[in-house]
Amino acid sequence: MNDPSETSPFQAPFGCSVEATLSVIGGRWKPVILFKLMEEGVLRFGELRRLVPGVTQKMLTNQLRELEADGVIERKVYPQVPPKVEYRLTDYGLTLEPILLAMRDWGARHEQAIGAIS
């Protein structure tokens, strides 16, 4: 690639697209939250908390707010007592499915490879 007109397949026209992706789905909890919503469709806060062991209530709340602000999940509040709140992937969030499935598949292969080494 000595010719400056040739571009690398890793270059993006506006900076690093991987950073843009990670800004939305990066971290310990966001991919897990998104995957659970992809699997289940609609989940209430308490259900998410049970399905994502180890996450604190505060962290789950923060991650859900960030995912909502990025437009990948929607939060629906029902006007009742006690309050009922449901979360689901938006149409835009559903476009993350191939990424999440690829992450799941890679993780399974990685677990097998590590198991083979141990």
Protein backbone atom coordinates (compact mmCIF):
# COMPACT_ATOMS: atom_id res chain seq x y z
CA MET A 1 0.00 0.00 0.00
CA ASN A 2 2.61 2.48 -1.06
CA ASP A 3 0.16 4.36 -3.28
CA PRO A 4 -1.48 7.11 -1.17
CA SER A 5 -4.69 6.73 -3.21
CA GLU A 6 -5.10 3.18 -1.84
CA THR A 7 -6.91 2.98 1.45
CA SER A 8 -6.79 0.35 4.15
CA PRO A 9 -9.97 -1.66 4.75
CA PHE A 10 -9.59 -0.60 8.41
CA GLN A 11 -9.82 3.11 7.74
CA ALA A 12 -13.09 4.94 8.02
CA PRO A 13 -13.78 8.19 6.23
CA PHE A 14 -14.62 9.98 9.50
CA GLY A 15 -12.30 8.48 12.08
CA CYS A 16 -12.41 5.15 13.83
CA SER A 17 -15.81 3.52 13.45
CA VAL A 18 -14.89 0.93 16.05
CA GLU A 19 -14.75 3.74 18.60
CA ALA A 20 -18.20 4.90 17.51
CA THR A 21 -19.55 1.37 17.97
CA LEU A 22 -17.89 0.93 21.35
CA SER A 23 -19.22 4.27 22.54
CA VAL A 24 -22.71 2.76 22.17
CA ILE A 25 -22.24 -0.92 23.09
CA GLY A 26 -18.92 -0.97 24.92
CA GLY A 27 -18.37 -1.88 28.53
CA ARG A 28 -19.05 -4.83 30.74
CA TRP A 29 -22.85 -4.62 30.91
CA LYS A 30 -24.24 -3.04 27.73
CA PRO A 31 -23.63 -6.00 25.40
CA VAL A 32 -25.18 -8.36 27.96
CA ILE A 33 -28.22 -6.10 28.42
CA LEU A 34 -28.65 -5.80 24.66
CA PHE A 35 -28.29 -9.54 24.16
CA LYS A 36 -30.90 -10.31 26.83
CA LEU A 37 -33.31 -7.84 25.22
CA MET A 38 -32.60 -9.39 21.82
CA GLU A 39 -33.36 -12.86 23.23
CA GLU A 40 -36.44 -11.95 25.24
CA GLY A 41 -37.95 -9.04 23.32
CA VAL A 42 -39.39 -7.05 26.23
CA LEU A 43 -38.12 -7.05 29.80
CA ARG A 44 -38.96 -5.19 32.96
CA PHE A 45 -36.20 -3.69 35.12
CA GLY A 46 -36.39 -6.45 37.72
CA GLU A 47 -36.25 -9.14 35.06
CA LEU A 48 -33.16 -7.54 33.54
CA ARG A 49 -31.55 -7.32 36.94
CA ARG A 50 -32.11 -11.07 37.49
CA LEU A 51 -30.84 -11.95 34.00
CA VAL A 52 -27.66 -9.89 34.40
CA PRO A 53 -26.14 -11.22 37.61
CA GLY A 54 -23.54 -9.01 39.21
CA VAL A 55 -24.86 -5.69 37.90
CA THR A 56 -25.88 -3.22 40.57
CA GLN A 57 -29.19 -1.40 40.41
CA LYS A 58 -27.38 1.91 39.91
CA MET A 59 -25.18 0.55 37.11
CA LEU A 60 -28.12 -1.08 35.34
CA THR A 61 -30.08 2.17 35.54
CA ASN A 62 -27.13 4.15 34.13
CA GLN A 63 -26.51 1.67 31.31
CA LEU A 64 -30.19 1.62 30.35
CA ARG A 65 -30.28 5.43 30.29
CA GLU A 66 -27.22 5.56 28.04
CA LEU A 67 -28.63 2.93 25.67
CA GLU A 68 -31.91 4.84 25.53
CA ALA A 69 -30.09 8.12 24.85
CA ASP A 70 -28.24 6.40 21.98
CA GLY A 71 -31.56 5.27 20.51
CA VAL A 72 -30.95 1.53 20.71
CA ILE A 73 -33.53 0.75 23.40
CA GLU A 74 -36.85 2.27 24.31
CA ARG A 75 -38.35 2.60 27.75
CA LYS A 76 -42.10 2.42 28.19
CA VAL A 77 -43.62 3.54 31.47
CA TYR A 78 -47.13 2.41 32.35
CA PRO A 79 -49.11 4.83 34.55
CA GLN A 80 -49.96 2.47 37.38
CA VAL A 81 -49.04 1.78 40.99
CA PRO A 82 -46.56 0.27 41.48
CA PRO A 83 -44.90 1.70 38.37
CA LYS A 84 -44.34 -0.71 35.51
CA VAL A 85 -41.45 0.02 33.15
CA GLU A 86 -40.54 -2.12 30.15
CA TYR A 87 -37.46 -2.05 27.94
CA ARG A 88 -37.12 -3.28 24.37
CA LEU A 89 -34.74 -2.84 21.45
CA THR A 90 -35.72 -0.17 18.96
CA ASP A 91 -35.63 -0.89 15.23
CA TYR A 92 -32.24 0.82 15.25
CA GLY A 93 -31.16 -1.36 18.18
CA LEU A 94 -32.18 -4.48 16.27
CA THR A 95 -29.49 -3.63 13.70
CA LEU A 96 -26.98 -4.65 16.41
CA GLU A 97 -28.14 -8.28 16.21
CA PRO A 98 -25.39 -9.47 13.83
CA ILE A 99 -22.74 -7.82 16.03
CA LEU A 100 -24.13 -9.36 19.21
CA LEU A 101 -24.42 -12.80 17.61
CA ALA A 102 -20.85 -12.53 16.31
CA MET A 103 -19.69 -11.59 19.82
CA ARG A 104 -21.56 -14.59 21.28
CA ASP A 105 -20.07 -16.97 18.71
CA TRP A 106 -16.55 -15.62 19.16
CA GLY A 107 -16.91 -15.89 22.94
CA ALA A 108 -17.98 -19.54 22.66
CA ARG A 109 -14.96 -20.31 20.45
CA HIS A 110 -12.70 -18.43 22.86
CA GLU A 111 -14.03 -20.40 25.84
CA GLN A 112 -13.32 -23.65 23.97
CA ALA A 113 -9.82 -22.50 23.03
CA ILE A 114 -9.03 -21.47 26.59
CA GLY A 115 -10.46 -24.74 27.84
CA ALA A 116 -8.21 -26.63 25.45
CA ILE A 117 -5.18 -24.75 26.77
CA SER A 118 -5.94 -25.24 30.48
